PDB file of N, CA and C in Angstrom:
ATOM      1  N   UNK A   1       0.848  -1.181   0.000  1.00  0.00           N
ATOM      2  CA  UNK A   1       0.000   0.000   0.000  1.00  0.00           C
ATOM      3  C   UNK A   1       0.888   1.237   0.000  1.00  0.00           C
ATOM      4  N   UNK A   2       0.453   2.261  -0.734  1.00  0.00           N
ATOM      5  CA  UNK A   2       1.182   3.523  -0.779  1.00  0.00           C
ATOM      6  C   UNK A   2       0.844   4.415   0.401  1.00  0.00           C
ATOM      7  N   UNK A   3       1.331   5.634   0.356  1.00  0.00           N
ATOM      8  CA  UNK A   3       1.103   6.583   1.453  1.00  0.00           C
ATOM      9  C   UNK A   3      -0.115   7.466   1.223  1.00  0.00           C
ATOM     10  N   UNK A   4      -0.637   7.505  -0.013  1.00  0.00           N
ATOM     11  CA  UNK A   4      -1.721   8.422  -0.352  1.00  0.00           C
ATOM     12  C   UNK A   4      -3.071   7.719  -0.247  1.00  0.00           C
ATOM     13  N   UNK A   5      -4.010   8.376   0.448  1.00  0.00           N
ATOM     14  CA  UNK A   5      -5.341   7.823   0.659  1.00  0.00           C
ATOM     15  C   UNK A   5      -6.405   8.685  -0.010  1.00  0.00           C
ATOM     16  N   UNK A   6      -7.437   8.025  -0.523  1.00  0.00           N
ATOM     17  CA  UNK A   6      -8.629   8.691  -1.032  1.00  0.00           C
ATOM     18  C   UNK A   6      -9.657   8.673   0.088  1.00  0.00           C
ATOM     19  N   UNK A   7     -10.282   9.809   0.352  1.00  0.00           N
ATOM     20  CA  UNK A   7     -11.312   9.904   1.382  1.00  0.00           C
ATOM     21  C   UNK A   7     -12.583  10.395   0.709  1.00  0.00           C
ATOM     22  N   UNK A   8     -13.609   9.558   0.694  1.00  0.00           N
ATOM     23  CA  UNK A   8     -14.855   9.897   0.019  1.00  0.00           C
ATOM     24  C   UNK A   8     -16.009  10.058   0.981  1.00  0.00           C
ATOM     25  N   UNK A   9     -17.133  10.520   0.437  1.00  0.00           N
ATOM     26  CA  UNK A   9     -18.381  10.749   1.168  1.00  0.00           C
ATOM     27  C   UNK A   9     -18.222  11.831   2.237  1.00  0.00           C
ATOM     28  N   UNK A  10     -17.452  12.869   1.911  1.00  0.00           N
ATOM     29  CA  UNK A  10     -17.240  13.965   2.860  1.00  0.00           C
ATOM     30  C   UNK A  10     -18.444  14.892   2.907  1.00  0.00           C
ATOM     31  N   UNK A  11     -18.744  15.377   4.098  1.00  0.00           N
ATOM     32  CA  UNK A  11     -19.715  16.463   4.237  1.00  0.00           C
ATOM     33  C   UNK A  11     -19.093  17.709   3.611  1.00  0.00           C
ATOM     34  N   UNK A  12     -19.919  18.574   3.042  1.00  0.00           N
ATOM     35  CA  UNK A  12     -19.396  19.739   2.331  1.00  0.00           C
ATOM     36  C   UNK A  12     -18.652  20.712   3.235  1.00  0.00           C
ATOM     37  N   UNK A  13     -18.882  20.659   4.551  1.00  0.00           N
ATOM     38  CA  UNK A  13     -18.215  21.570   5.470  1.00  0.00           C
ATOM     39  C   UNK A  13     -16.866  21.092   5.980  1.00  0.00           C
ATOM     40  N   UNK A  14     -16.424  19.905   5.588  1.00  0.00           N
ATOM     41  CA  UNK A  14     -15.150  19.361   6.070  1.00  0.00           C
ATOM     42  C   UNK A  14     -13.992  20.132   5.438  1.00  0.00           C
ATOM     43  N   UNK A  15     -13.011  20.487   6.265  1.00  0.00           N
ATOM     44  CA  UNK A  15     -11.850  21.251   5.796  1.00  0.00           C
ATOM     45  C   UNK A  15     -10.597  20.382   5.794  1.00  0.00           C
ATOM     46  N   UNK A  16      -9.545  20.907   5.164  1.00  0.00           N
ATOM     47  CA  UNK A  16      -8.245  20.231   5.184  1.00  0.00           C
ATOM     48  C   UNK A  16      -7.800  20.006   6.628  1.00  0.00           C
ATOM     49  N   UNK A  17      -8.001  21.014   7.462  1.00  0.00           N
ATOM     50  CA  UNK A  17      -7.578  20.937   8.866  1.00  0.00           C
ATOM     51  C   UNK A  17      -8.339  19.852   9.617  1.00  0.00           C
ATOM     52  N   UNK A  18      -9.645  19.711   9.336  1.00  0.00           N
ATOM     53  CA  UNK A  18     -10.430  18.644   9.973  1.00  0.00           C
ATOM     54  C   UNK A  18      -9.816  17.282   9.664  1.00  0.00           C
ATOM     55  N   UNK A  19      -9.451  17.084   8.406  1.00  0.00           N
ATOM     56  CA  UNK A  19      -8.886  15.800   7.992  1.00  0.00           C
ATOM     57  C   UNK A  19      -7.495  15.584   8.574  1.00  0.00           C
ATOM     58  N   UNK A  20      -6.678  16.639   8.616  1.00  0.00           N
ATOM     59  CA  UNK A  20      -5.342  16.502   9.202  1.00  0.00           C
ATOM     60  C   UNK A  20      -5.441  16.098  10.669  1.00  0.00           C
ATOM     61  N   UNK A  21      -6.376  16.696  11.375  1.00  0.00           N
ATOM     62  CA  UNK A  21      -6.551  16.366  12.785  1.00  0.00           C
ATOM     63  C   UNK A  21      -7.032  14.923  12.947  1.00  0.00           C
ATOM     64  N   UNK A  22      -8.019  14.516  12.156  1.00  0.00           N
ATOM     65  CA  UNK A  22      -8.563  13.163  12.257  1.00  0.00           C
ATOM     66  C   UNK A  22      -7.519  12.114  11.884  1.00  0.00           C
ATOM     67  N   UNK A  23      -6.858  12.296  10.738  1.00  0.00           N
ATOM     68  CA  UNK A  23      -5.887  11.305  10.285  1.00  0.00           C
ATOM     69  C   UNK A  23      -4.619  11.318  11.133  1.00  0.00           C
ATOM     70  N   UNK A  24      -4.338  12.429  11.794  1.00  0.00           N
ATOM     71  CA  UNK A  24      -3.206  12.505  12.708  1.00  0.00           C
ATOM     72  C   UNK A  24      -3.364  11.597  13.912  1.00  0.00           C
ATOM     73  N   UNK A  25      -4.592  11.183  14.209  1.00  0.00           N
ATOM     74  CA  UNK A  25      -4.828  10.253  15.311  1.00  0.00           C
ATOM     75  C   UNK A  25      -4.351   8.842  14.972  1.00  0.00           C
ATOM     76  N   UNK A  26      -4.202   8.553  13.669  1.00  0.00           N
ATOM     77  CA  UNK A  26      -3.810   7.210  13.237  1.00  0.00           C
ATOM     78  C   UNK A  26      -2.334   7.117  12.869  1.00  0.00           C
ATOM     79  N   UNK A  27      -1.658   8.263  12.776  1.00  0.00           N
ATOM     80  CA  UNK A  27      -0.256   8.285  12.381  1.00  0.00           C
ATOM     81  C   UNK A  27       0.118   9.698  11.986  1.00  0.00           C
ATOM     82  N   UNK A  28       1.274   9.848  11.357  1.00  0.00           N
ATOM     83  CA  UNK A  28       1.715  11.173  10.948  1.00  0.00           C
ATOM     84  C   UNK A  28       1.082  11.539   9.615  1.00  0.00           C
ATOM     85  N   UNK A  29       0.252  12.583   9.641  1.00  0.00           N
ATOM     86  CA  UNK A  29      -0.428  13.068   8.441  1.00  0.00           C
ATOM     87  C   UNK A  29       0.389  14.222   7.871  1.00  0.00           C
ATOM     88  N   UNK A  30       0.951  14.026   6.676  1.00  0.00           N
ATOM     89  CA  UNK A  30       1.768  15.072   6.057  1.00  0.00           C
ATOM     90  C   UNK A  30       0.918  16.157   5.411  1.00  0.00           C
ATOM     91  N   UNK A  31      -0.194  15.764   4.779  1.00  0.00           N
ATOM     92  CA  UNK A  31      -1.059  16.756   4.141  1.00  0.00           C
ATOM     93  C   UNK A  31      -2.441  16.167   3.913  1.00  0.00           C
ATOM     94  N   UNK A  32      -3.401  17.063   3.787  1.00  0.00           N
ATOM     95  CA  UNK A  32      -4.771  16.675   3.449  1.00  0.00           C
ATOM     96  C   UNK A  32      -5.341  17.780   2.580  1.00  0.00           C
ATOM     97  N   UNK A  33      -5.978  17.398   1.480  1.00  0.00           N
ATOM     98  CA  UNK A  33      -6.562  18.426   0.615  1.00  0.00           C
ATOM     99  C   UNK A  33      -7.926  17.984   0.115  1.00  0.00           C
ATOM    100  N   UNK A  34      -8.928  18.765   0.501  1.00  0.00           N
ATOM    101  CA  UNK A  34     -10.292  18.560   0.018  1.00  0.00           C
ATOM    102  C   UNK A  34     -10.339  19.088  -1.408  1.00  0.00           C
ATOM    103  N   UNK A  35     -10.873  18.291  -2.326  1.00  0.00           N
ATOM    104  CA  UNK A  35     -10.948  18.696  -3.730  1.00  0.00           C
ATOM    105  C   UNK A  35     -12.151  19.613  -3.908  1.00  0.00           C
ATOM    106  N   UNK A  36     -11.879  20.798  -4.474  1.00  0.00           N
ATOM    107  CA  UNK A  36     -12.915  21.817  -4.650  1.00  0.00           C
ATOM    108  C   UNK A  36     -13.315  21.927  -6.119  1.00  0.00           C
ATOM    109  N   UNK A  37     -14.580  22.236  -6.357  1.00  0.00           N
ATOM    110  CA  UNK A  37     -15.066  22.489  -7.711  1.00  0.00           C
ATOM    111  C   UNK A  37     -14.524  23.833  -8.163  1.00  0.00           C
ATOM    112  N   UNK A  38     -13.870  23.869  -9.306  1.00  0.00           N
ATOM    113  CA  UNK A  38     -13.227  25.117  -9.733  1.00  0.00           C
ATOM    114  C   UNK A  38     -14.237  26.190 -10.131  1.00  0.00           C
ATOM    115  N   UNK A  39     -15.450  25.794 -10.518  1.00  0.00           N
ATOM    116  CA  UNK A  39     -16.459  26.779 -10.906  1.00  0.00           C
ATOM    117  C   UNK A  39     -17.196  27.366  -9.707  1.00  0.00           C
ATOM    118  N   UNK A  40     -17.573  26.503  -8.756  1.00  0.00           N
ATOM    119  CA  UNK A  40     -18.388  26.966  -7.628  1.00  0.00           C
ATOM    120  C   UNK A  40     -17.579  27.248  -6.367  1.00  0.00           C
ATOM    121  N   UNK A  41     -16.377  26.676  -6.272  1.00  0.00           N
ATOM    122  CA  UNK A  41     -15.577  26.841  -5.067  1.00  0.00           C
ATOM    123  C   UNK A  41     -16.028  25.960  -3.920  1.00  0.00           C
ATOM    124  N   UNK A  42     -17.018  25.082  -4.154  1.00  0.00           N
ATOM    125  CA  UNK A  42     -17.506  24.185  -3.109  1.00  0.00           C
ATOM    126  C   UNK A  42     -16.776  22.849  -3.169  1.00  0.00           C
ATOM    127  N   UNK A  43     -16.778  22.173  -2.049  1.00  0.00           N
ATOM    128  CA  UNK A  43     -16.181  20.846  -1.966  1.00  0.00           C
ATOM    129  C   UNK A  43     -16.882  19.900  -2.933  1.00  0.00           C
ATOM    130  N   UNK A  44     -16.108  19.009  -3.537  1.00  0.00           N
ATOM    131  CA  UNK A  44     -16.678  17.979  -4.406  1.00  0.00           C
ATOM    132  C   UNK A  44     -17.003  16.718  -3.608  1.00  0.00           C
ATOM    133  N   UNK A  45     -16.767  16.742  -2.295  1.00  0.00           N
ATOM    134  CA  UNK A  45     -17.152  15.622  -1.443  1.00  0.00           C
ATOM    135  C   UNK A  45     -16.095  14.544  -1.289  1.00  0.00           C
ATOM    136  N   UNK A  46     -14.869  14.838  -1.735  1.00  0.00           N
ATOM    137  CA  UNK A  46     -13.786  13.883  -1.524  1.00  0.00           C
ATOM    138  C   UNK A  46     -12.479  14.628  -1.327  1.00  0.00           C
ATOM    139  N   UNK A  47     -11.477  13.885  -0.840  1.00  0.00           N
ATOM    140  CA  UNK A  47     -10.180  14.496  -0.534  1.00  0.00           C
ATOM    141  C   UNK A  47      -9.082  13.460  -0.698  1.00  0.00           C
ATOM    142  N   UNK A  48      -7.850  13.951  -0.666  1.00  0.00           N
ATOM    143  CA  UNK A  48      -6.679  13.085  -0.662  1.00  0.00           C
ATOM    144  C   UNK A  48      -5.847  13.428   0.563  1.00  0.00           C
ATOM    145  N   UNK A  49      -5.367  12.386   1.234  1.00  0.00           N
ATOM    146  CA  UNK A  49      -4.561  12.543   2.439  1.00  0.00           C
ATOM    147  C   UNK A  49      -3.240  11.814   2.213  1.00  0.00           C
ATOM    148  N   UNK A  50      -2.138  12.490   2.525  1.00  0.00           N
ATOM    149  CA  UNK A  50      -0.808  11.881   2.408  1.00  0.00           C
ATOM    150  C   UNK A  50      -0.289  11.600   3.812  1.00  0.00           C
ATOM    151  N   UNK A  51      -0.034  10.333   4.076  1.00  0.00           N
ATOM    152  CA  UNK A  51       0.516   9.926   5.361  1.00  0.00           C
ATOM    153  C   UNK A  51       2.035   9.807   5.245  1.00  0.00           C
ATOM    154  N   UNK A  52       2.733   9.795   6.375  1.00  0.00           N
ATOM    155  CA  UNK A  52       4.196   9.776   6.382  1.00  0.00           C
ATOM    156  C   UNK A  52       4.771   8.452   5.899  1.00  0.00           C
ATOM    157  N   UNK A  53       4.048   7.367   6.105  1.00  0.00           N
ATOM    158  CA  UNK A  53       4.556   6.054   5.695  1.00  0.00           C
ATOM    159  C   UNK A  53       3.398   5.181   5.232  1.00  0.00           C
ATOM    160  N   UNK A  54       3.739   4.112   4.538  1.00  0.00           N
ATOM    161  CA  UNK A  54       2.724   3.152   4.100  1.00  0.00           C
ATOM    162  C   UNK A  54       2.050   2.500   5.307  1.00  0.00           C
ATOM    163  N   UNK A  55       2.812   2.278   6.374  1.00  0.00           N
ATOM    164  CA  UNK A  55       2.233   1.698   7.592  1.00  0.00           C
ATOM    165  C   UNK A  55       1.205   2.643   8.211  1.00  0.00           C
ATOM    166  N   UNK A  56       1.530   3.944   8.259  1.00  0.00           N
ATOM    167  CA  UNK A  56       0.575   4.931   8.775  1.00  0.00           C
ATOM    168  C   UNK A  56      -0.684   4.959   7.909  1.00  0.00           C
ATOM    169  N   UNK A  57      -0.504   4.867   6.591  1.00  0.00           N
ATOM    170  CA  UNK A  57      -1.654   4.900   5.679  1.00  0.00           C
ATOM    171  C   UNK A  57      -2.550   3.689   5.895  1.00  0.00           C
ATOM    172  N   UNK A  58      -1.951   2.521   6.027  1.00  0.00           N
ATOM    173  CA  UNK A  58      -2.738   1.301   6.247  1.00  0.00           C
ATOM    174  C   UNK A  58      -3.467   1.367   7.582  1.00  0.00           C
ATOM    175  N   UNK A  59      -2.787   1.848   8.615  1.00  0.00           N
ATOM    176  CA  UNK A  59      -3.411   1.995   9.932  1.00  0.00           C
ATOM    177  C   UNK A  59      -4.585   2.969   9.857  1.00  0.00           C
ATOM    178  N   UNK A  60      -4.388   4.092   9.180  1.00  0.00           N
ATOM    179  CA  UNK A  60      -5.456   5.092   9.047  1.00  0.00           C
ATOM    180  C   UNK A  60      -6.642   4.520   8.282  1.00  0.00           C
ATOM    181  N   UNK A  61      -6.365   3.778   7.213  1.00  0.00           N
ATOM    182  CA  UNK A  61      -7.456   3.186   6.431  1.00  0.00           C
ATOM    183  C   UNK A  61      -8.274   2.235   7.294  1.00  0.00           C
ATOM    184  N   UNK A  62      -7.587   1.381   8.039  1.00  0.00           N
ATOM    185  CA  UNK A  62      -8.290   0.409   8.881  1.00  0.00           C
ATOM    186  C   UNK A  62      -9.074   1.087  10.001  1.00  0.00           C
ATOM    187  N   UNK A  63      -8.479   2.102  10.627  1.00  0.00           N
ATOM    188  CA  UNK A  63      -9.121   2.762  11.767  1.00  0.00           C
ATOM    189  C   UNK A  63     -10.251   3.698  11.353  1.00  0.00           C
ATOM    190  N   UNK A  64     -10.097   4.366  10.209  1.00  0.00           N
ATOM    191  CA  UNK A  64     -11.002   5.472   9.895  1.00  0.00           C
ATOM    192  C   UNK A  64     -12.043   5.172   8.825  1.00  0.00           C
ATOM    193  N   UNK A  65     -11.891   4.085   8.070  1.00  0.00           N
ATOM    194  CA  UNK A  65     -12.909   3.737   7.084  1.00  0.00           C
ATOM    195  C   UNK A  65     -14.211   3.439   7.821  1.00  0.00           C
ATOM    196  N   UNK A  66     -15.263   4.152   7.476  1.00  0.00           N
ATOM    197  CA  UNK A  66     -16.551   3.984   8.141  1.00  0.00           C
ATOM    198  C   UNK A  66     -16.772   4.920   9.315  1.00  0.00           C
ATOM    199  N   UNK A  67     -15.749   5.687   9.693  1.00  0.00           N
ATOM    200  CA  UNK A  67     -15.868   6.654  10.785  1.00  0.00           C
ATOM    201  C   UNK A  67     -16.791   7.792  10.371  1.00  0.00           C
ATOM    202  N   UNK A  68     -17.577   8.282  11.302  1.00  0.00           N
ATOM    203  CA  UNK A  68     -18.473   9.401  11.011  1.00  0.00           C
ATOM    204  C   UNK A  68     -17.767  10.726  11.295  1.00  0.00           C
ATOM    205  N   UNK A  69     -17.877  11.650  10.334  1.00  0.00           N
ATOM    206  CA  UNK A  69     -17.320  12.991  10.483  1.00  0.00           C
ATOM    207  C   UNK A  69     -18.339  13.986   9.964  1.00  0.00           C
ATOM    208  N   UNK A  70     -18.784  14.870  10.837  1.00  0.00           N
ATOM    209  CA  UNK A  70     -19.783  15.891  10.505  1.00  0.00           C
ATOM    210  C   UNK A  70     -21.028  15.281   9.861  1.00  0.00           C
ATOM    211  N   UNK A  71     -21.466  14.146  10.438  1.00  0.00           N
ATOM    212  CA  UNK A  71     -22.717  13.531  10.010  1.00  0.00           C
ATOM    213  C   UNK A  71     -22.628  12.615   8.806  1.00  0.00           C
ATOM    214  N   UNK A  72     -21.440  12.393   8.267  1.00  0.00           N
ATOM    215  CA  UNK A  72     -21.287  11.504   7.101  1.00  0.00           C
ATOM    216  C   UNK A  72     -20.293  10.399   7.442  1.00  0.00           C
ATOM    217  N   UNK A  73     -20.571   9.198   6.957  1.00  0.00           N
ATOM    218  CA  UNK A  73     -19.684   8.058   7.180  1.00  0.00           C
ATOM    219  C   UNK A  73     -18.609   8.057   6.096  1.00  0.00           C
ATOM    220  N   UNK A  74     -17.348   8.217   6.507  1.00  0.00           N
ATOM    221  CA  UNK A  74     -16.235   8.324   5.567  1.00  0.00           C
ATOM    222  C   UNK A  74     -15.936   7.002   4.879  1.00  0.00           C
ATOM    223  N   UNK A  75     -15.502   7.114   3.639  1.00  0.00           N
ATOM    224  CA  UNK A  75     -14.969   5.969   2.902  1.00  0.00           C
ATOM    225  C   UNK A  75     -13.489   6.246   2.674  1.00  0.00           C
ATOM    226  N   UNK A  76     -12.635   5.391   3.195  1.00  0.00           N
ATOM    227  CA  UNK A  76     -11.186   5.590   3.092  1.00  0.00           C
ATOM    228  C   UNK A  76     -10.585   4.411   2.337  1.00  0.00           C
ATOM    229  N   UNK A  77      -9.894   4.719   1.240  1.00  0.00           N
ATOM    230  CA  UNK A  77      -9.260   3.697   0.407  1.00  0.00           C
ATOM    231  C   UNK A  77      -7.882   4.181  -0.011  1.00  0.00           C
ATOM    232  N   UNK A  78      -7.068   3.250  -0.490  1.00  0.00           N
ATOM    233  CA  UNK A  78      -5.802   3.643  -1.099  1.00  0.00           C
ATOM    234  C   UNK A  78      -6.125   4.437  -2.359  1.00  0.00           C
ATOM    235  N   UNK A  79      -5.403   5.530  -2.576  1.00  0.00           N
ATOM    236  CA  UNK A  79      -5.651   6.378  -3.742  1.00  0.00           C
ATOM    237  C   UNK A  79      -5.122   5.709  -5.002  1.00  0.00           C
ATOM    238  N   UNK A  80      -5.834   5.929  -6.111  1.00  0.00           N
ATOM    239  CA  UNK A  80      -5.369   5.472  -7.426  1.00  0.00           C
ATOM    240  C   UNK A  80      -4.255   6.386  -7.894  1.00  0.00           C
ATOM    241  N   UNK A  81      -3.604   6.004  -8.980  1.00  0.00           N
ATOM    242  CA  UNK A  81      -2.590   6.859  -9.589  1.00  0.00           C
ATOM    243  C   UNK A  81      -3.222   8.062 -10.272  1.00  0.00           C
ATOM    244  N   UNK A  82      -4.508   7.961 -10.622  1.00  0.00           N
ATOM    245  CA  UNK A  82      -5.197   9.041 -11.319  1.00  0.00           C
ATOM    246  C   UNK A  82      -5.487  10.171 -10.347  1.00  0.00           C
ATOM    247  N   UNK A  83      -5.624  11.385 -10.883  1.00  0.00           N
ATOM    248  CA  UNK A  83      -5.815  12.549 -10.024  1.00  0.00           C
ATOM    249  C   UNK A  83      -7.219  12.635  -9.449  1.00  0.00           C
ATOM    250  N   UNK A  84      -8.219  12.110 -10.156  1.00  0.00           N
ATOM    251  CA  UNK A  84      -9.579  12.133  -9.632  1.00  0.00           C
ATOM    252  C   UNK A  84     -10.226  10.781  -9.863  1.00  0.00           C
ATOM    253  N   UNK A  85     -11.091  10.350  -8.949  1.00  0.00           N
ATOM    254  CA  UNK A  85     -11.732   9.061  -9.135  1.00  0.00           C
ATOM    255  C   UNK A  85     -12.638   9.104 -10.358  1.00  0.00           C
ATOM    256  N   UNK A  86     -12.672   8.011 -11.088  1.00  0.00           N
ATOM    257  CA  UNK A  86     -13.520   7.943 -12.270  1.00  0.00           C
ATOM    258  C   UNK A  86     -12.852   8.478 -13.519  1.00  0.00           C
ATOM    259  N   UNK A  87     -11.699   9.100 -13.384  1.00  0.00           N
ATOM    260  CA  UNK A  87     -11.008   9.610 -14.570  1.00  0.00           C
ATOM    261  C   UNK A  87     -10.475   8.421 -15.360  1.00  0.00           C
ATOM    262  N   UNK A  88     -10.613   8.499 -16.666  1.00  0.00           N
ATOM    263  CA  UNK A  88     -10.154   7.404 -17.513  1.00  0.00           C
ATOM    264  C   UNK A  88      -9.140   7.924 -18.510  1.00  0.00           C
ATOM    265  N   UNK A  89      -8.237   7.060 -18.903  1.00  0.00           N
ATOM    266  CA  UNK A  89      -7.276   7.431 -19.939  1.00  0.00           C
ATOM    267  C   UNK A  89      -8.034   7.624 -21.246  1.00  0.00           C
ATOM    268  N   UNK A  90      -7.686   8.641 -21.969  1.00  0.00           N
ATOM    269  CA  UNK A  90      -8.348   8.923 -23.240  1.00  0.00           C
ATOM    270  C   UNK A  90      -7.582   8.256 -24.368  1.00  0.00           C
ATOM    271  N   UNK A  91      -8.330   7.809 -25.356  1.00  0.00           N
ATOM    272  CA  UNK A  91      -7.699   7.210 -26.528  1.00  0.00           C
ATOM    273  C   UNK A  91      -7.312   8.314 -27.489  1.00  0.00           C
ATOM    274  N   UNK A  92      -6.164   8.195 -28.127  1.00  0.00           N
ATOM    275  CA  UNK A  92      -5.785   9.210 -29.111  1.00  0.00           C
ATOM    276  C   UNK A  92      -6.729   9.169 -30.305  1.00  0.00           C
ATOM    277  N   UNK A  93      -6.915  10.305 -30.926  1.00  0.00           N
ATOM    278  CA  UNK A  93      -7.752  10.354 -32.114  1.00  0.00           C
ATOM    279  C   UNK A  93      -9.135  10.895 -31.856  1.00  0.00           C
ATOM    280  N   UNK A  94      -9.562  10.955 -30.624  1.00  0.00           N
ATOM    281  CA  UNK A  94     -10.827  11.583 -30.293  1.00  0.00           C
ATOM    282  C   UNK A  94     -12.068  10.779 -30.613  1.00  0.00           C
ATOM    283  N   UNK A  95     -11.945   9.543 -31.047  1.00  0.00           N
ATOM    284  CA  UNK A  95     -13.130   8.734 -31.330  1.00  0.00           C
ATOM    285  C   UNK A  95     -13.325   7.700 -30.246  1.00  0.00           C
ATOM    286  N   UNK A  96     -14.564   7.401 -29.975  1.00  0.00           N
ATOM    287  CA  UNK A  96     -14.873   6.360 -29.007  1.00  0.00           C
ATOM    288  C   UNK A  96     -14.591   4.996 -29.629  1.00  0.00           C
ATOM    289  N   UNK A  97     -14.294   3.989 -28.827  1.00  0.00           N
ATOM    290  CA  UNK A  97     -14.084   2.655 -29.376  1.00  0.00           C
ATOM    291  C   UNK A  97     -15.349   2.186 -30.087  1.00  0.00           C
ATOM    292  N   UNK A  98     -15.163   1.480 -31.176  1.00  0.00           N
ATOM    293  CA  UNK A  98     -16.315   0.966 -31.909  1.00  0.00           C
ATOM    294  C   UNK A  98     -16.930   1.987 -32.830  1.00  0.00           C
ATOM    295  N   UNK A  99     -16.213   3.067 -33.110  1.00  0.00           N
ATOM    296  CA  UNK A  99     -16.737   4.111 -33.991  1.00  0.00           C
ATOM    297  C   UNK A  99     -16.818   3.634 -35.428  1.00  0.00           C
ATOM    298  N   UNK A 100     -17.125   4.536 -36.301  1.00  0.00           N
ATOM    299  CA  UNK A 100     -17.277   4.207 -37.720  1.00  0.00           C
ATOM    300  C   UNK A 100     -15.965   3.664 -38.270  1.00  0.00           C
ATOM    301  N   UNK A 101     -16.056   2.704 -39.196  1.00  0.00           N
ATOM    302  CA  UNK A 101     -14.829   2.155 -39.778  1.00  0.00           C
ATOM    303  C   UNK A 101     -14.109   3.199 -40.619  1.00  0.00           C
ATOM    304  N   UNK A 102     -12.815   3.040 -40.705  1.00  0.00           N
ATOM    305  CA  UNK A 102     -12.006   3.956 -41.505  1.00  0.00           C
ATOM    306  C   UNK A 102     -12.241   3.663 -42.977  1.00  0.00           C
ATOM    307  N   UNK A 103     -12.753   4.621 -43.714  1.00  0.00           N
ATOM    308  CA  UNK A 103     -13.128   4.375 -45.110  1.00  0.00           C
ATOM    309  C   UNK A 103     -11.927   4.230 -46.023  1.00  0.00           C
ATOM    310  N   UNK A 104     -10.743   4.568 -45.549  1.00  0.00           N
ATOM    311  CA  UNK A 104      -9.552   4.462 -46.384  1.00  0.00           C
ATOM    312  C   UNK A 104      -8.827   3.129 -46.215  1.00  0.00           C
ATOM    313  N   UNK A 105      -9.268   2.328 -45.279  1.00  0.00           N
ATOM    314  CA  UNK A 105      -8.645   1.013 -45.088  1.00  0.00           C
ATOM    315  C   UNK A 105      -9.436  -0.026 -45.854  1.00  0.00           C
ATOM    316  N   UNK A 106      -8.732  -1.029 -46.328  1.00  0.00           N
ATOM    317  CA  UNK A 106      -9.439  -2.075 -47.071  1.00  0.00           C
ATOM    318  C   UNK A 106      -9.603  -3.325 -46.254  1.00  0.00           C
TER     319      UNK A 106
END
């Protein structure tokens, strides 16, 4: 397991500081950042937390997954390599798979 955790199902009022304090109870929390919508400035309901070690991250995941914070039950998982959950790699060329056949190929 890596050091970076995904934290989902956040209440909109949760701050970076709230998460640093909570995750600091499970180990050394290096940083926490709630992801904000760039248009509205409101929380998107998830965050990323960086722990000091993989052991701290695993301990935090086990201790805090399902914990209630500001009325919402947190979901804590190891973070993907992608910057946001649900993001997919795009195929070059701009066409969806299964698109129209190339008329120049035989």
